[in-house]
Amino acid sequence: SYLIGDKFPEYTFAATHKDSSYKFTLDKYKGKSVIIDLWDVYCAGCISGIQKLDSLQKIFNETLQIILVTKNSKEQVDNLFSRKNLRRPDLPMIIGDTTVYDVFFPHDGNPLHVWIDTSRIIRYITGGYNTTHENIRKFMNKESLK
């Protein structure tokens, strides 16, 4: 598993976006910091947090990329977003991934956020409630987060 201060490994993510799927590495977001959101379809805090992350992505679009990662199946995720009041976010979504979710960052509570700087160093591993406009601004300015 990876810890704060470690370099995020070379890893190819398999993402879905709307109806298409594609693969990418973090090199795709060169010059941007990354927050990986580890979430689950059965976690109410995760689901409400996704809408917040979607908004934060729009605000920090030039300097940050938020990536959603779940080990749930495509069917489970599609069922979740088929609900009338739940809009699918405009973020890269990694579905059915056990490597990042269980091997790189084994954890008990969701959502778990992994903050990675532009040098691909893991700077923070936090609960989702820490991912606020103010904390992202501080992270971008290389100010320390408590």
C-alpha atoms as a PDB file:
ATOM      1  CA  SER A   1       0.000   0.000   0.000  1.00  0.00           C
ATOM      2  CA  TYR A   2       1.022   3.617  -0.500  1.00  0.00           C
ATOM      3  CA  LEU A   3       1.420   6.278   2.162  1.00  0.00           C
ATOM      4  CA  ILE A   4       1.780  10.046   2.430  1.00  0.00           C
ATOM      5  CA  GLY A   5       5.139  11.037   0.920  1.00  0.00           C
ATOM      6  CA  ASP A   6       5.193   8.126  -1.538  1.00  0.00           C
ATOM      7  CA  LYS A   7       5.160   8.715  -5.278  1.00  0.00           C
ATOM      8  CA  PHE A   8       1.925   7.543  -6.890  1.00  0.00           C
ATOM      9  CA  PRO A   9       2.847   4.505  -9.047  1.00  0.00           C
ATOM     10  CA  GLU A  10       2.710   4.314 -12.810  1.00  0.00           C
ATOM     11  CA  TYR A  11      -0.806   2.990 -13.197  1.00  0.00           C
ATOM     12  CA  THR A  12      -3.225   2.767 -16.095  1.00  0.00           C
ATOM     13  CA  PHE A  13      -6.769   3.673 -15.086  1.00  0.00           C
ATOM     14  CA  ALA A  14      -9.684   2.215 -17.061  1.00  0.00           C
ATOM     15  CA  ALA A  15     -12.356   4.910 -17.024  1.00  0.00           C
ATOM     16  CA  THR A  16     -15.899   5.295 -18.245  1.00  0.00           C
ATOM     17  CA  HIS A  17     -17.406   8.620 -19.172  1.00  0.00           C
ATOM     18  CA  LYS A  18     -20.974   8.865 -20.376  1.00  0.00           C
ATOM     19  CA  ASP A  19     -21.157   5.882 -22.772  1.00  0.00           C
ATOM     20  CA  SER A  20     -17.495   5.563 -23.656  1.00  0.00           C
ATOM     21  CA  SER A  21     -14.567   3.931 -21.928  1.00  0.00           C
ATOM     22  CA  TYR A  22     -10.895   4.787 -22.199  1.00  0.00           C
ATOM     23  CA  LYS A  23      -7.570   4.245 -20.439  1.00  0.00           C
ATOM     24  CA  PHE A  24      -5.206   6.844 -19.050  1.00  0.00           C
ATOM     25  CA  THR A  25      -2.315   7.413 -16.648  1.00  0.00           C
ATOM     26  CA  LEU A  26      -1.857  10.476 -14.446  1.00  0.00           C
ATOM     27  CA  ASP A  27       0.447  11.837 -17.182  1.00  0.00           C
ATOM     28  CA  LYS A  28      -2.771  12.838 -18.940  1.00  0.00           C
ATOM     29  CA  TYR A  29      -3.110  15.547 -16.273  1.00  0.00           C
ATOM     30  CA  LYS A  30       0.458  16.858 -16.414  1.00  0.00           C
ATOM     31  CA  GLY A  31       0.749  20.103 -14.474  1.00  0.00           C
ATOM     32  CA  LYS A  32      -2.435  19.404 -12.498  1.00  0.00           C
ATOM     33  CA  SER A  33      -2.819  18.122  -8.973  1.00  0.00           C
ATOM     34  CA  VAL A  34      -5.128  15.107  -8.586  1.00  0.00           C
ATOM     35  CA  ILE A  35      -7.614  14.064  -5.933  1.00  0.00           C
ATOM     36  CA  ILE A  36      -8.726  10.443  -6.111  1.00  0.00           C
ATOM     37  CA  ASP A  37     -12.109   9.853  -4.496  1.00  0.00           C
ATOM     38  CA  LEU A  38     -12.543   6.251  -3.288  1.00  0.00           C
ATOM     39  CA  TRP A  39     -16.282   5.758  -2.947  1.00  0.00           C
ATOM     40  CA  ASP A  40     -19.034   3.131  -2.794  1.00  0.00           C
ATOM     41  CA  VAL A  41     -22.612   3.047  -4.110  1.00  0.00           C
ATOM     42  CA  TYR A  42     -23.887   2.112  -0.631  1.00  0.00           C
ATOM     43  CA  CYS A  43     -22.254   5.099   1.090  1.00  0.00           C
ATOM     44  CA  ALA A  44     -24.624   8.069   1.460  1.00  0.00           C
ATOM     45  CA  GLY A  45     -21.769  10.457   2.256  1.00  0.00           C
ATOM     46  CA  CYS A  46     -19.957   9.348  -0.892  1.00  0.00           C
ATOM     47  CA  ILE A  47     -22.986   9.922  -3.082  1.00  0.00           C
ATOM     48  CA  SER A  48     -23.715  13.414  -1.766  1.00  0.00           C
ATOM     49  CA  GLY A  49     -19.986  14.174  -1.944  1.00  0.00           C
ATOM     50  CA  ILE A  50     -19.797  13.347  -5.649  1.00  0.00           C
ATOM     51  CA  GLN A  51     -22.038  16.313  -6.508  1.00  0.00           C
ATOM     52  CA  LYS A  52     -19.798  18.592  -4.397  1.00  0.00           C
ATOM     53  CA  LEU A  53     -16.686  17.219  -6.141  1.00  0.00           C
ATOM     54  CA  ASP A  54     -18.284  17.837  -9.536  1.00  0.00           C
ATOM     55  CA  SER A  55     -18.765  21.499  -8.589  1.00  0.00           C
ATOM     56  CA  LEU A  56     -15.233  21.822  -7.200  1.00  0.00           C
ATOM     57  CA  GLN A  57     -13.835  20.333 -10.428  1.00  0.00           C
ATOM     58  CA  LYS A  58     -15.498  23.113 -12.436  1.00  0.00           C
ATOM     59  CA  ILE A  59     -14.030  25.782 -10.126  1.00  0.00           C
ATOM     60  CA  PHE A  60     -10.462  24.382 -10.132  1.00  0.00           C
ATOM     61  CA  ASN A  61     -10.522  22.958 -13.659  1.00  0.00           C
ATOM     62  CA  GLU A  62      -7.219  24.569 -14.740  1.00  0.00           C
ATOM     63  CA  THR A  63      -5.134  23.177 -11.869  1.00  0.00           C
ATOM     64  CA  LEU A  64      -6.903  20.093 -10.493  1.00  0.00           C
ATOM     65  CA  GLN A  65      -8.344  16.800 -11.705  1.00  0.00           C
ATOM     66  CA  ILE A  66     -10.723  14.812  -9.521  1.00  0.00           C
ATOM     67  CA  ILE A  67     -10.985  11.105 -10.340  1.00  0.00           C
ATOM     68  CA  LEU A  68     -13.722   8.871  -8.901  1.00  0.00           C
ATOM     69  CA  VAL A  69     -12.745   5.259  -8.116  1.00  0.00           C
ATOM     70  CA  THR A  70     -15.099   2.514  -6.946  1.00  0.00           C
ATOM     71  CA  LYS A  71     -14.874  -1.238  -6.837  1.00  0.00           C
ATOM     72  CA  ASN A  72     -18.627  -1.462  -7.496  1.00  0.00           C
ATOM     73  CA  SER A  73     -19.722  -2.954 -10.825  1.00  0.00           C
ATOM     74  CA  LYS A  74     -20.890  -0.941 -13.841  1.00  0.00           C
ATOM     75  CA  GLU A  75     -24.400  -2.277 -13.215  1.00  0.00           C
ATOM     76  CA  GLN A  76     -24.388  -1.044  -9.591  1.00  0.00           C
ATOM     77  CA  VAL A  77     -23.099   2.395 -10.635  1.00  0.00           C
ATOM     78  CA  ASP A  78     -25.589   2.658 -13.530  1.00  0.00           C
ATOM     79  CA  ASN A  79     -28.432   1.717 -11.153  1.00  0.00           C
ATOM     80  CA  LEU A  80     -27.315   4.417  -8.726  1.00  0.00           C
ATOM     81  CA  PHE A  81     -27.231   7.160 -11.368  1.00  0.00           C
ATOM     82  CA  SER A  82     -30.501   6.033 -12.952  1.00  0.00           C
ATOM     83  CA  ARG A  83     -32.315   7.603  -9.987  1.00  0.00           C
ATOM     84  CA  LYS A  84     -34.166  10.740 -11.021  1.00  0.00           C
ATOM     85  CA  ASN A  85     -32.524  13.084  -8.519  1.00  0.00           C
ATOM     86  CA  LEU A  86     -28.976  11.913  -9.117  1.00  0.00           C
ATOM     87  CA  ARG A  87     -26.999  13.423 -11.969  1.00  0.00           C
ATOM     88  CA  ARG A  88     -23.943  11.517 -13.222  1.00  0.00           C
ATOM     89  CA  PRO A  89     -20.936  13.742 -12.583  1.00  0.00           C
ATOM     90  CA  ASP A  90     -18.737  15.082 -15.349  1.00  0.00           C
ATOM     91  CA  LEU A  91     -15.651  13.422 -13.843  1.00  0.00           C
ATOM     92  CA  PRO A  92     -13.546  10.442 -14.930  1.00  0.00           C
ATOM     93  CA  MET A  93     -15.067   7.422 -13.180  1.00  0.00           C
ATOM     94  CA  ILE A  94     -13.113   4.224 -12.578  1.00  0.00           C
ATOM     95  CA  ILE A  95     -15.512   1.307 -12.007  1.00  0.00           C
ATOM     96  CA  GLY A  96     -14.743  -2.192 -10.733  1.00  0.00           C
ATOM     97  CA  ASP A  97     -11.225  -1.230  -9.652  1.00  0.00           C
ATOM     98  CA  THR A  98      -9.845  -3.241  -6.761  1.00  0.00           C
ATOM     99  CA  THR A  99      -6.190  -2.268  -7.303  1.00  0.00           C
ATOM    100  CA  VAL A 100      -6.370   1.419  -6.337  1.00  0.00           C
ATOM    101  CA  TYR A 101      -9.250   0.794  -3.924  1.00  0.00           C
ATOM    102  CA  ASP A 102      -7.923  -2.235  -1.999  1.00  0.00           C
ATOM    103  CA  VAL A 103      -4.230  -2.683  -2.846  1.00  0.00           C
ATOM    104  CA  PHE A 104      -2.837   0.873  -3.129  1.00  0.00           C
ATOM    105  CA  PHE A 105      -5.086   2.389  -0.422  1.00  0.00           C
ATOM    106  CA  PRO A 106      -6.657  -0.322   1.757  1.00  0.00           C
ATOM    107  CA  HIS A 107      -9.190   1.408   4.012  1.00  0.00           C
ATOM    108  CA  ASP A 108     -12.305   0.933   6.105  1.00  0.00           C
ATOM    109  CA  GLY A 109     -14.294   4.155   5.729  1.00  0.00           C
ATOM    110  CA  ASN A 110     -15.578   5.901   2.619  1.00  0.00           C
ATOM    111  CA  PRO A 111     -15.205   8.310   1.004  1.00  0.00           C
ATOM    112  CA  LEU A 112     -11.426   8.353   1.209  1.00  0.00           C
ATOM    113  CA  HIS A 113      -9.574  11.063  -0.718  1.00  0.00           C
ATOM    114  CA  VAL A 114      -5.975  10.769  -1.905  1.00  0.00           C
ATOM    115  CA  TRP A 115      -4.382  14.159  -2.637  1.00  0.00           C
ATOM    116  CA  ILE A 116      -1.543  13.959  -5.187  1.00  0.00           C
ATOM    117  CA  ASP A 117       0.570  16.969  -6.143  1.00  0.00           C
ATOM    118  CA  THR A 118       1.907  17.873  -9.585  1.00  0.00           C
ATOM    119  CA  SER A 119       5.106  15.876  -8.865  1.00  0.00           C
ATOM    120  CA  ARG A 120       2.818  12.838  -8.261  1.00  0.00           C
ATOM    121  CA  ILE A 121       3.696  12.718  -4.559  1.00  0.00           C
ATOM    122  CA  ILE A 122       0.861  11.650  -2.254  1.00  0.00           C
ATOM    123  CA  ARG A 123       0.456  14.633   0.071  1.00  0.00           C
ATOM    124  CA  TYR A 124      -2.701  13.774   2.038  1.00  0.00           C
ATOM    125  CA  ILE A 125      -5.070  10.869   2.604  1.00  0.00           C
ATOM    126  CA  THR A 126      -8.259  12.235   4.162  1.00  0.00           C
ATOM    127  CA  GLY A 127     -11.934  11.658   4.712  1.00  0.00           C
ATOM    128  CA  GLY A 128     -14.150  13.231   2.058  1.00  0.00           C
ATOM    129  CA  TYR A 129     -15.396  16.009   4.332  1.00  0.00           C
ATOM    130  CA  ASN A 130     -11.893  17.558   4.241  1.00  0.00           C
ATOM    131  CA  THR A 131     -12.187  18.233   0.512  1.00  0.00           C
ATOM    132  CA  THR A 132     -13.466  21.791   0.636  1.00  0.00           C
ATOM    133  CA  HIS A 133     -12.973  24.838  -1.570  1.00  0.00           C
ATOM    134  CA  GLU A 134     -10.706  26.345   1.097  1.00  0.00           C
ATOM    135  CA  ASN A 135      -8.545  23.214   1.499  1.00  0.00           C
ATOM    136  CA  ILE A 136      -8.159  22.762  -2.260  1.00  0.00           C
ATOM    137  CA  ARG A 137      -7.115  26.427  -2.555  1.00  0.00           C
ATOM    138  CA  LYS A 138      -4.506  25.889   0.207  1.00  0.00           C
ATOM    139  CA  PHE A 139      -3.312  22.653  -1.455  1.00  0.00           C
ATOM    140  CA  MET A 140      -2.862  24.479  -4.785  1.00  0.00           C
ATOM    141  CA  ASN A 141      -0.896  27.216  -3.007  1.00  0.00           C
ATOM    142  CA  LYS A 142       1.291  24.576  -1.318  1.00  0.00           C
ATOM    143  CA  GLU A 143       0.024  25.700   2.098  1.00  0.00           C
ATOM    144  CA  SER A 144      -0.147  22.965   4.677  1.00  0.00           C
ATOM    145  CA  LEU A 145      -3.498  21.408   5.572  1.00  0.00           C
ATOM    146  CA  LYS A 146      -4.151  20.586   9.221  1.00  0.00           C
END
